[in-house]
Amino acid sequence: MNERWMMSASCRTVHPDDLFVEGAAQNQAKALCSGCPVKAECLAHALDGRIEHGVWGGMTERERRALLKRRPTVQSWVRLLDAARRQHGGGAAPSKRDCA
């Protein structure tokens, strides 16, 4: 898997412990994702890899589990999110509504 996107992540300089938190601290971790240029790639990586812990792409593990449950037939989130981005003008990453 190509993970060059990680070099552009807004959280690349944050200590990993700040992203693998529980409870209300997850909101602070999610705030780091706001405006991140690779938010969609990060989310797709976590969904495709079934990563169970931490905040990835602006979603907690609970939110990702719910999304996976709603969309059990998706085989590649990378392809789905890339297609949604192209369909919606190629600029901003798709919203949760586009992915659900």
PDB file of N, CA and C in Angstrom:
ATOM      1  N   MET A   1       0.844  -1.183   0.000  1.00  0.00           N
ATOM      2  CA  MET A   1       0.000   0.000   0.000  1.00  0.00           C
ATOM      3  C   MET A   1       0.887   1.244   0.000  1.00  0.00           C
ATOM      4  N   ASN A   2       0.545   2.201  -0.799  1.00  0.00           N
ATOM      5  CA  ASN A   2       1.274   3.456  -0.878  1.00  0.00           C
ATOM      6  C   ASN A   2       0.853   4.348   0.282  1.00  0.00           C
ATOM      7  N   GLU A   3       1.780   4.673   1.147  1.00  0.00           N
ATOM      8  CA  GLU A   3       1.459   5.475   2.325  1.00  0.00           C
ATOM      9  C   GLU A   3       2.209   6.799   2.327  1.00  0.00           C
ATOM     10  N   ARG A   4       2.557   7.298   1.142  1.00  0.00           N
ATOM     11  CA  ARG A   4       3.244   8.586   1.053  1.00  0.00           C
ATOM     12  C   ARG A   4       2.390   9.724   1.591  1.00  0.00           C
ATOM     13  N   TRP A   5       1.082   9.546   1.596  1.00  0.00           N
ATOM     14  CA  TRP A   5       0.176  10.569   2.086  1.00  0.00           C
ATOM     15  C   TRP A   5       0.486  10.943   3.535  1.00  0.00           C
ATOM     16  N   MET A   6       1.040  10.004   4.280  1.00  0.00           N
ATOM     17  CA  MET A   6       1.317  10.248   5.704  1.00  0.00           C
ATOM     18  C   MET A   6       2.279  11.417   5.908  1.00  0.00           C
ATOM     19  N   MET A   7       3.135  11.669   4.942  1.00  0.00           N
ATOM     20  CA  MET A   7       4.088  12.773   5.053  1.00  0.00           C
ATOM     21  C   MET A   7       3.394  14.130   5.026  1.00  0.00           C
ATOM     22  N   SER A   8       2.153  14.188   4.524  1.00  0.00           N
ATOM     23  CA  SER A   8       1.399  15.436   4.445  1.00  0.00           C
ATOM     24  C   SER A   8       0.350  15.570   5.538  1.00  0.00           C
ATOM     25  N   ALA A   9       0.257  14.589   6.407  1.00  0.00           N
ATOM     26  CA  ALA A   9      -0.775  14.585   7.456  1.00  0.00           C
ATOM     27  C   ALA A   9      -0.540  15.700   8.473  1.00  0.00           C
ATOM     28  N   SER A  10      -1.613  16.337   8.873  1.00  0.00           N
ATOM     29  CA  SER A  10      -1.530  17.403   9.884  1.00  0.00           C
ATOM     30  C   SER A  10      -1.006  16.885  11.219  1.00  0.00           C
ATOM     31  N   CYS A  11      -1.201  15.613  11.494  1.00  0.00           N
ATOM     32  CA  CYS A  11      -0.811  15.040  12.787  1.00  0.00           C
ATOM     33  C   CYS A  11       0.590  14.440  12.777  1.00  0.00           C
ATOM     34  N   ARG A  12       1.322  14.594  11.698  1.00  0.00           N
ATOM     35  CA  ARG A  12       2.610  13.907  11.574  1.00  0.00           C
ATOM     36  C   ARG A  12       3.613  14.286  12.667  1.00  0.00           C
ATOM     37  N   THR A  13       3.444  15.446  13.278  1.00  0.00           N
ATOM     38  CA  THR A  13       4.382  15.865  14.325  1.00  0.00           C
ATOM     39  C   THR A  13       3.805  15.693  15.732  1.00  0.00           C
ATOM     40  N   VAL A  14       2.596  15.166  15.810  1.00  0.00           N
ATOM     41  CA  VAL A  14       1.926  14.966  17.099  1.00  0.00           C
ATOM     42  C   VAL A  14       2.363  13.626  17.685  1.00  0.00           C
ATOM     43  N   HIS A  15       2.510  13.581  18.979  1.00  0.00           N
ATOM     44  CA  HIS A  15       2.852  12.317  19.642  1.00  0.00           C
ATOM     45  C   HIS A  15       1.698  11.333  19.446  1.00  0.00           C
ATOM     46  N   PRO A  16       1.989  10.099  19.055  1.00  0.00           N
ATOM     47  CA  PRO A  16       0.922   9.113  18.816  1.00  0.00           C
ATOM     48  C   PRO A  16      -0.046   8.938  19.988  1.00  0.00           C
ATOM     49  N   ASP A  17       0.427   9.116  21.219  1.00  0.00           N
ATOM     50  CA  ASP A  17      -0.461   8.977  22.377  1.00  0.00           C
ATOM     51  C   ASP A  17      -1.610   9.980  22.336  1.00  0.00           C
ATOM     52  N   ASP A  18      -1.425  11.090  21.618  1.00  0.00           N
ATOM     53  CA  ASP A  18      -2.481  12.095  21.506  1.00  0.00           C
ATOM     54  C   ASP A  18      -3.585  11.676  20.540  1.00  0.00           C
ATOM     55  N   LEU A  19      -3.330  10.659  19.733  1.00  0.00           N
ATOM     56  CA  LEU A  19      -4.309  10.179  18.764  1.00  0.00           C
ATOM     57  C   LEU A  19      -4.994   8.894  19.208  1.00  0.00           C
ATOM     58  N   PHE A  20      -4.438   8.250  20.196  1.00  0.00           N
ATOM     59  CA  PHE A  20      -4.998   6.994  20.699  1.00  0.00           C
ATOM     60  C   PHE A  20      -5.504   7.224  22.117  1.00  0.00           C
ATOM     61  N   VAL A  21      -6.601   7.954  22.188  1.00  0.00           N
ATOM     62  CA  VAL A  21      -7.186   8.371  23.458  1.00  0.00           C
ATOM     63  C   VAL A  21      -8.626   7.865  23.549  1.00  0.00           C
ATOM     64  N   GLU A  22      -9.224   8.041  24.704  1.00  0.00           N
ATOM     65  CA  GLU A  22     -10.599   7.602  24.927  1.00  0.00           C
ATOM     66  C   GLU A  22     -11.437   8.761  25.426  1.00  0.00           C
ATOM     67  N   GLY A  23     -12.740   8.594  25.366  1.00  0.00           N
ATOM     68  CA  GLY A  23     -13.680   9.572  25.916  1.00  0.00           C
ATOM     69  C   GLY A  23     -13.606  10.929  25.256  1.00  0.00           C
ATOM     70  N   ALA A  24     -13.763  11.962  26.082  1.00  0.00           N
ATOM     71  CA  ALA A  24     -13.814  13.337  25.584  1.00  0.00           C
ATOM     72  C   ALA A  24     -12.526  13.753  24.890  1.00  0.00           C
ATOM     73  N   ALA A  25     -11.413  13.148  25.231  1.00  0.00           N
ATOM     74  CA  ALA A  25     -10.140  13.492  24.591  1.00  0.00           C
ATOM     75  C   ALA A  25     -10.154  13.174  23.100  1.00  0.00           C
ATOM     76  N   GLN A  26     -11.069  12.292  22.683  1.00  0.00           N
ATOM     77  CA  GLN A  26     -11.168  11.978  21.257  1.00  0.00           C
ATOM     78  C   GLN A  26     -11.579  13.204  20.441  1.00  0.00           C
ATOM     79  N   ASN A  27     -12.366  14.097  21.037  1.00  0.00           N
ATOM     80  CA  ASN A  27     -12.764  15.303  20.317  1.00  0.00           C
ATOM     81  C   ASN A  27     -11.558  16.176  20.005  1.00  0.00           C
ATOM     82  N   GLN A  28     -10.613  16.242  20.921  1.00  0.00           N
ATOM     83  CA  GLN A  28      -9.383  16.999  20.668  1.00  0.00           C
ATOM     84  C   GLN A  28      -8.569  16.339  19.565  1.00  0.00           C
ATOM     85  N   ALA A  29      -8.504  15.029  19.593  1.00  0.00           N
ATOM     86  CA  ALA A  29      -7.770  14.305  18.561  1.00  0.00           C
ATOM     87  C   ALA A  29      -8.431  14.512  17.198  1.00  0.00           C
ATOM     88  N   LYS A  30      -9.748  14.464  17.165  1.00  0.00           N
ATOM     89  CA  LYS A  30     -10.474  14.668  15.910  1.00  0.00           C
ATOM     90  C   LYS A  30     -10.264  16.085  15.375  1.00  0.00           C
ATOM     91  N   ALA A  31     -10.098  17.043  16.275  1.00  0.00           N
ATOM     92  CA  ALA A  31      -9.877  18.430  15.850  1.00  0.00           C
ATOM     93  C   ALA A  31      -8.575  18.556  15.068  1.00  0.00           C
ATOM     94  N   LEU A  32      -7.594  17.714  15.363  1.00  0.00           N
ATOM     95  CA  LEU A  32      -6.343  17.732  14.611  1.00  0.00           C
ATOM     96  C   LEU A  32      -6.580  17.392  13.134  1.00  0.00           C
ATOM     97  N   CYS A  33      -7.633  16.633  12.871  1.00  0.00           N
ATOM     98  CA  CYS A  33      -7.934  16.203  11.503  1.00  0.00           C
ATOM     99  C   CYS A  33      -8.638  17.290  10.688  1.00  0.00           C
ATOM    100  N   SER A  34      -9.211  18.239  11.366  1.00  0.00           N
ATOM    101  CA  SER A  34      -9.940  19.294  10.677  1.00  0.00           C
ATOM    102  C   SER A  34      -9.001  20.048   9.733  1.00  0.00           C
ATOM    103  N   GLY A  35      -9.346  20.075   8.481  1.00  0.00           N
ATOM    104  CA  GLY A  35      -8.536  20.774   7.487  1.00  0.00           C
ATOM    105  C   GLY A  35      -7.307  20.013   7.024  1.00  0.00           C
ATOM    106  N   CYS A  36      -7.127  18.796   7.469  1.00  0.00           N
ATOM    107  CA  CYS A  36      -5.971  18.006   7.049  1.00  0.00           C
ATOM    108  C   CYS A  36      -6.074  17.701   5.553  1.00  0.00           C
ATOM    109  N   PRO A  37      -5.007  17.918   4.798  1.00  0.00           N
ATOM    110  CA  PRO A  37      -5.064  17.697   3.356  1.00  0.00           C
ATOM    111  C   PRO A  37      -5.173  16.233   2.945  1.00  0.00           C
ATOM    112  N   VAL A  38      -4.916  15.316   3.863  1.00  0.00           N
ATOM    113  CA  VAL A  38      -4.975  13.888   3.519  1.00  0.00           C
ATOM    114  C   VAL A  38      -5.969  13.140   4.415  1.00  0.00           C
ATOM    115  N   LYS A  39      -6.971  13.829   4.869  1.00  0.00           N
ATOM    116  CA  LYS A  39      -7.976  13.239   5.763  1.00  0.00           C
ATOM    117  C   LYS A  39      -8.647  12.020   5.129  1.00  0.00           C
ATOM    118  N   ALA A  40      -9.016  12.114   3.860  1.00  0.00           N
ATOM    119  CA  ALA A  40      -9.694  11.000   3.182  1.00  0.00           C
ATOM    120  C   ALA A  40      -8.772   9.789   3.045  1.00  0.00           C
ATOM    121  N   GLU A  41      -7.515  10.030   2.712  1.00  0.00           N
ATOM    122  CA  GLU A  41      -6.566   8.937   2.570  1.00  0.00           C
ATOM    123  C   GLU A  41      -6.352   8.233   3.914  1.00  0.00           C
ATOM    124  N   CYS A  42      -6.278   9.025   4.966  1.00  0.00           N
ATOM    125  CA  CYS A  42      -6.106   8.492   6.313  1.00  0.00           C
ATOM    126  C   CYS A  42      -7.304   7.627   6.712  1.00  0.00           C
ATOM    127  N   LEU A  43      -8.492   8.151   6.467  1.00  0.00           N
ATOM    128  CA  LEU A  43      -9.704   7.403   6.798  1.00  0.00           C
ATOM    129  C   LEU A  43      -9.773   6.113   5.995  1.00  0.00           C
ATOM    130  N   ALA A  44      -9.499   6.182   4.704  1.00  0.00           N
ATOM    131  CA  ALA A  44      -9.530   4.986   3.863  1.00  0.00           C
ATOM    132  C   ALA A  44      -8.520   3.950   4.350  1.00  0.00           C
ATOM    133  N   HIS A  45      -7.339   4.399   4.743  1.00  0.00           N
ATOM    134  CA  HIS A  45      -6.309   3.498   5.275  1.00  0.00           C
ATOM    135  C   HIS A  45      -6.835   2.757   6.514  1.00  0.00           C
ATOM    136  N   ALA A  46      -7.459   3.485   7.416  1.00  0.00           N
ATOM    137  CA  ALA A  46      -7.980   2.874   8.638  1.00  0.00           C
ATOM    138  C   ALA A  46      -9.129   1.921   8.350  1.00  0.00           C
ATOM    139  N   LEU A  47     -10.012   2.299   7.425  1.00  0.00           N
ATOM    140  CA  LEU A  47     -11.151   1.446   7.091  1.00  0.00           C
ATOM    141  C   LEU A  47     -10.700   0.188   6.362  1.00  0.00           C
ATOM    142  N   ASP A  48      -9.829   0.339   5.365  1.00  0.00           N
ATOM    143  CA  ASP A  48      -9.353  -0.831   4.624  1.00  0.00           C
ATOM    144  C   ASP A  48      -8.530  -1.758   5.511  1.00  0.00           C
ATOM    145  N   GLY A  49      -7.776  -1.182   6.442  1.00  0.00           N
ATOM    146  CA  GLY A  49      -6.946  -1.988   7.340  1.00  0.00           C
ATOM    147  C   GLY A  49      -7.675  -2.463   8.582  1.00  0.00           C
ATOM    148  N   ARG A  50      -8.950  -2.064   8.700  1.00  0.00           N
ATOM    149  CA  ARG A  50      -9.760  -2.429   9.866  1.00  0.00           C
ATOM    150  C   ARG A  50      -9.012  -2.086  11.169  1.00  0.00           C
ATOM    151  N   ILE A  51      -8.416  -0.884  11.184  1.00  0.00           N
ATOM    152  CA  ILE A  51      -7.698  -0.426  12.368  1.00  0.00           C
ATOM    153  C   ILE A  51      -8.718  -0.149  13.464  1.00  0.00           C
ATOM    154  N   GLU A  52      -8.527  -0.776  14.591  1.00  0.00           N
ATOM    155  CA  GLU A  52      -9.534  -0.740  15.648  1.00  0.00           C
ATOM    156  C   GLU A  52      -9.322   0.339  16.694  1.00  0.00           C
ATOM    157  N   HIS A  53      -8.174   0.972  16.733  1.00  0.00           N
ATOM    158  CA  HIS A  53      -7.904   1.932  17.798  1.00  0.00           C
ATOM    159  C   HIS A  53      -7.447   3.263  17.225  1.00  0.00           C
ATOM    160  N   GLY A  54      -7.760   4.317  17.950  1.00  0.00           N
ATOM    161  CA  GLY A  54      -7.276   5.643  17.593  1.00  0.00           C
ATOM    162  C   GLY A  54      -8.204   6.412  16.679  1.00  0.00           C
ATOM    163  N   VAL A  55      -7.879   7.680  16.524  1.00  0.00           N
ATOM    164  CA  VAL A  55      -8.597   8.558  15.608  1.00  0.00           C
ATOM    165  C   VAL A  55      -7.833   8.558  14.291  1.00  0.00           C
ATOM    166  N   TRP A  56      -8.529   8.241  13.221  1.00  0.00           N
ATOM    167  CA  TRP A  56      -7.962   8.212  11.875  1.00  0.00           C
ATOM    168  C   TRP A  56      -8.941   8.914  10.947  1.00  0.00           C
ATOM    169  N   GLY A  57      -8.454   9.848  10.158  1.00  0.00           N
ATOM    170  CA  GLY A  57      -9.312  10.519   9.192  1.00  0.00           C
ATOM    171  C   GLY A  57     -10.483  11.240   9.827  1.00  0.00           C
ATOM    172  N   GLY A  58     -10.311  11.684  11.047  1.00  0.00           N
ATOM    173  CA  GLY A  58     -11.368  12.422  11.730  1.00  0.00           C
ATOM    174  C   GLY A  58     -12.467  11.567  12.326  1.00  0.00           C
ATOM    175  N   MET A  59     -12.258  10.259  12.378  1.00  0.00           N
ATOM    176  CA  MET A  59     -13.264   9.366  12.943  1.00  0.00           C
ATOM    177  C   MET A  59     -12.667   8.500  14.044  1.00  0.00           C
ATOM    178  N   THR A  60     -13.460   8.289  15.079  1.00  0.00           N
ATOM    179  CA  THR A  60     -13.050   7.400  16.167  1.00  0.00           C
ATOM    180  C   THR A  60     -13.266   5.954  15.746  1.00  0.00           C
ATOM    181  N   GLU A  61     -12.758   5.040  16.553  1.00  0.00           N
ATOM    182  CA  GLU A  61     -12.966   3.624  16.239  1.00  0.00           C
ATOM    183  C   GLU A  61     -14.451   3.265  16.231  1.00  0.00           C
ATOM    184  N   ARG A  62     -15.223   3.850  17.119  1.00  0.00           N
ATOM    185  CA  ARG A  62     -16.661   3.581  17.166  1.00  0.00           C
ATOM    186  C   ARG A  62     -17.341   4.082  15.885  1.00  0.00           C
ATOM    187  N   GLU A  63     -16.966   5.264  15.441  1.00  0.00           N
ATOM    188  CA  GLU A  63     -17.556   5.820  14.213  1.00  0.00           C
ATOM    189  C   GLU A  63     -17.169   4.989  12.990  1.00  0.00           C
ATOM    190  N   ARG A  64     -15.922   4.512  12.966  1.00  0.00           N
ATOM    191  CA  ARG A  64     -15.493   3.675  11.840  1.00  0.00           C
ATOM    192  C   ARG A  64     -16.213   2.337  11.847  1.00  0.00           C
ATOM    193  N   ARG A  65     -16.386   1.747  13.015  1.00  0.00           N
ATOM    194  CA  ARG A  65     -17.127   0.474  13.094  1.00  0.00           C
ATOM    195  C   ARG A  65     -18.551   0.649  12.581  1.00  0.00           C
ATOM    196  N   ALA A  66     -19.198   1.753  12.955  1.00  0.00           N
ATOM    197  CA  ALA A  66     -20.564   2.016  12.500  1.00  0.00           C
ATOM    198  C   ALA A  66     -20.603   2.185  10.985  1.00  0.00           C
ATOM    199  N   LEU A  67     -19.621   2.885  10.437  1.00  0.00           N
ATOM    200  CA  LEU A  67     -19.573   3.073   8.979  1.00  0.00           C
ATOM    201  C   LEU A  67     -19.348   1.739   8.268  1.00  0.00           C
ATOM    202  N   LEU A  68     -18.452   0.924   8.784  1.00  0.00           N
ATOM    203  CA  LEU A  68     -18.217  -0.393   8.189  1.00  0.00           C
ATOM    204  C   LEU A  68     -19.466  -1.262   8.263  1.00  0.00           C
ATOM    205  N   LYS A  69     -20.201  -1.135   9.342  1.00  0.00           N
ATOM    206  CA  LYS A  69     -21.434  -1.918   9.498  1.00  0.00           C
ATOM    207  C   LYS A  69     -22.501  -1.462   8.496  1.00  0.00           C
ATOM    208  N   ARG A  70     -22.568  -0.124   8.268  1.00  0.00           N
ATOM    209  CA  ARG A  70     -23.548   0.401   7.300  1.00  0.00           C
ATOM    210  C   ARG A  70     -23.192   0.052   5.867  1.00  0.00           C
ATOM    211  N   ARG A  71     -21.911  -0.129   5.585  1.00  0.00           N
ATOM    212  CA  ARG A  71     -21.453  -0.375   4.215  1.00  0.00           C
ATOM    213  C   ARG A  71     -20.615  -1.654   4.141  1.00  0.00           C
ATOM    214  N   PRO A  72     -21.194  -2.812   4.456  1.00  0.00           N
ATOM    215  CA  PRO A  72     -20.403  -4.047   4.530  1.00  0.00           C
ATOM    216  C   PRO A  72     -19.890  -4.548   3.180  1.00  0.00           C
ATOM    217  N   THR A  73     -20.438  -4.057   2.091  1.00  0.00           N
ATOM    218  CA  THR A  73     -20.022  -4.556   0.773  1.00  0.00           C
ATOM    219  C   THR A  73     -18.840  -3.793   0.174  1.00  0.00           C
ATOM    220  N   VAL A  74     -18.436  -2.706   0.811  1.00  0.00           N
ATOM    221  CA  VAL A  74     -17.303  -1.936   0.276  1.00  0.00           C
ATOM    222  C   VAL A  74     -16.035  -2.757   0.445  1.00  0.00           C
ATOM    223  N   GLN A  75     -15.356  -3.007  -0.671  1.00  0.00           N
ATOM    224  CA  GLN A  75     -14.129  -3.800  -0.624  1.00  0.00           C
ATOM    225  C   GLN A  75     -12.883  -2.936  -0.579  1.00  0.00           C
ATOM    226  N   SER A  76     -12.968  -1.708  -1.105  1.00  0.00           N
ATOM    227  CA  SER A  76     -11.819  -0.816  -1.070  1.00  0.00           C
ATOM    228  C   SER A  76     -12.295   0.600  -0.789  1.00  0.00           C
ATOM    229  N   TRP A  77     -12.042   1.070   0.411  1.00  0.00           N
ATOM    230  CA  TRP A  77     -12.410   2.436   0.779  1.00  0.00           C
ATOM    231  C   TRP A  77     -11.529   3.437   0.051  1.00  0.00           C
ATOM    232  N   VAL A  78     -10.294   3.059  -0.251  1.00  0.00           N
ATOM    233  CA  VAL A  78      -9.410   3.942  -1.016  1.00  0.00           C
ATOM    234  C   VAL A  78     -10.054   4.249  -2.355  1.00  0.00           C
ATOM    235  N   ARG A  79     -10.500   3.214  -3.057  1.00  0.00           N
ATOM    236  CA  ARG A  79     -11.137   3.417  -4.367  1.00  0.00           C
ATOM    237  C   ARG A  79     -12.450   4.174  -4.243  1.00  0.00           C
ATOM    238  N   LEU A  80     -13.255   3.858  -3.244  1.00  0.00           N
ATOM    239  CA  LEU A  80     -14.542   4.520  -3.067  1.00  0.00           C
ATOM    240  C   LEU A  80     -14.365   6.012  -2.791  1.00  0.00           C
ATOM    241  N   LEU A  81     -13.472   6.350  -1.879  1.00  0.00           N
ATOM    242  CA  LEU A  81     -13.263   7.755  -1.542  1.00  0.00           C
ATOM    243  C   LEU A  81     -12.609   8.515  -2.697  1.00  0.00           C
ATOM    244  N   ASP A  82     -11.717   7.852  -3.431  1.00  0.00           N
ATOM    245  CA  ASP A  82     -11.102   8.485  -4.599  1.00  0.00           C
ATOM    246  C   ASP A  82     -12.154   8.748  -5.672  1.00  0.00           C
ATOM    247  N   ALA A  83     -13.035   7.796  -5.905  1.00  0.00           N
ATOM    248  CA  ALA A  83     -14.109   7.976  -6.894  1.00  0.00           C
ATOM    249  C   ALA A  83     -15.052   9.102  -6.473  1.00  0.00           C
ATOM    250  N   ALA A  84     -15.368   9.177  -5.185  1.00  0.00           N
ATOM    251  CA  ALA A  84     -16.239  10.243  -4.694  1.00  0.00           C
ATOM    252  C   ALA A  84     -15.578  11.602  -4.867  1.00  0.00           C
ATOM    253  N   ARG A  85     -14.285  11.668  -4.628  1.00  0.00           N
ATOM    254  CA  ARG A  85     -13.550  12.925  -4.801  1.00  0.00           C
ATOM    255  C   ARG A  85     -13.584  13.361  -6.263  1.00  0.00           C
ATOM    256  N   ARG A  86     -13.339  12.422  -7.166  1.00  0.00           N
ATOM    257  CA  ARG A  86     -13.369  12.760  -8.603  1.00  0.00           C
ATOM    258  C   ARG A  86     -14.764  13.198  -9.026  1.00  0.00           C
ATOM    259  N   GLN A  87     -15.776  12.515  -8.544  1.00  0.00           N
ATOM    260  CA  GLN A  87     -17.157  12.824  -8.907  1.00  0.00           C
ATOM    261  C   GLN A  87     -17.563  14.212  -8.420  1.00  0.00           C
ATOM    262  N   HIS A  88     -17.018  14.631  -7.288  1.00  0.00           N
ATOM    263  CA  HIS A  88     -17.406  15.908  -6.697  1.00  0.00           C
ATOM    264  C   HIS A  88     -16.396  17.015  -6.975  1.00  0.00           C
ATOM    265  N   GLY A  89     -15.678  16.908  -8.054  1.00  0.00           N
ATOM    266  CA  GLY A  89     -14.823  18.007  -8.481  1.00  0.00           C
ATOM    267  C   GLY A  89     -13.356  17.879  -8.179  1.00  0.00           C
ATOM    268  N   GLY A  90     -12.936  16.799  -7.551  1.00  0.00           N
ATOM    269  CA  GLY A  90     -11.520  16.552  -7.346  1.00  0.00           C
ATOM    270  C   GLY A  90     -10.852  17.371  -6.265  1.00  0.00           C
ATOM    271  N   GLY A  91     -11.570  18.295  -5.633  1.00  0.00           N
ATOM    272  CA  GLY A  91     -10.936  19.148  -4.635  1.00  0.00           C
ATOM    273  C   GLY A  91     -10.965  18.565  -3.262  1.00  0.00           C
ATOM    274  N   ALA A  92     -11.910  19.002  -2.473  1.00  0.00           N
ATOM    275  CA  ALA A  92     -11.977  18.613  -1.067  1.00  0.00           C
ATOM    276  C   ALA A  92     -12.314  17.145  -0.921  1.00  0.00           C
ATOM    277  N   ALA A  93     -11.880  16.591   0.172  1.00  0.00           N
ATOM    278  CA  ALA A  93     -12.195  15.207   0.496  1.00  0.00           C
ATOM    279  C   ALA A  93     -13.686  15.077   0.723  1.00  0.00           C
ATOM    280  N   PRO A  94     -14.256  13.916   0.411  1.00  0.00           N
ATOM    281  CA  PRO A  94     -15.688  13.734   0.602  1.00  0.00           C
ATOM    282  C   PRO A  94     -16.073  13.777   2.061  1.00  0.00           C
ATOM    283  N   SER A  95     -17.308  14.185   2.311  1.00  0.00           N
ATOM    284  CA  SER A  95     -17.816  14.242   3.680  1.00  0.00           C
ATOM    285  C   SER A  95     -18.259  12.866   4.121  1.00  0.00           C
ATOM    286  N   LYS A  96     -18.576  12.721   5.405  1.00  0.00           N
ATOM    287  CA  LYS A  96     -19.078  11.445   5.917  1.00  0.00           C
ATOM    288  C   LYS A  96     -20.317  11.021   5.151  1.00  0.00           C
ATOM    289  N   ARG A  97     -21.169  11.995   4.780  1.00  0.00           N
ATOM    290  CA  ARG A  97     -22.400  11.674   4.074  1.00  0.00           C
ATOM    291  C   ARG A  97     -22.093  11.009   2.743  1.00  0.00           C
ATOM    292  N   ASP A  98     -21.028  11.421   2.056  1.00  0.00           N
ATOM    293  CA  ASP A  98     -20.655  10.842   0.789  1.00  0.00           C
ATOM    294  C   ASP A  98     -20.195   9.396   0.959  1.00  0.00           C
ATOM    295  N   CYS A  99     -19.640   9.075   2.109  1.00  0.00           N
ATOM    296  CA  CYS A  99     -19.075   7.760   2.346  1.00  0.00           C
ATOM    297  C   CYS A  99     -20.066   6.777   2.957  1.00  0.00           C
ATOM    298  N   ALA A 100     -21.121   7.293   3.538  1.00  0.00           N
ATOM    299  CA  ALA A 100     -22.056   6.418   4.251  1.00  0.00           C
ATOM    300  C   ALA A 100     -23.097   5.821   3.347  1.00  0.00           C
TER     301      ALA A 100
END
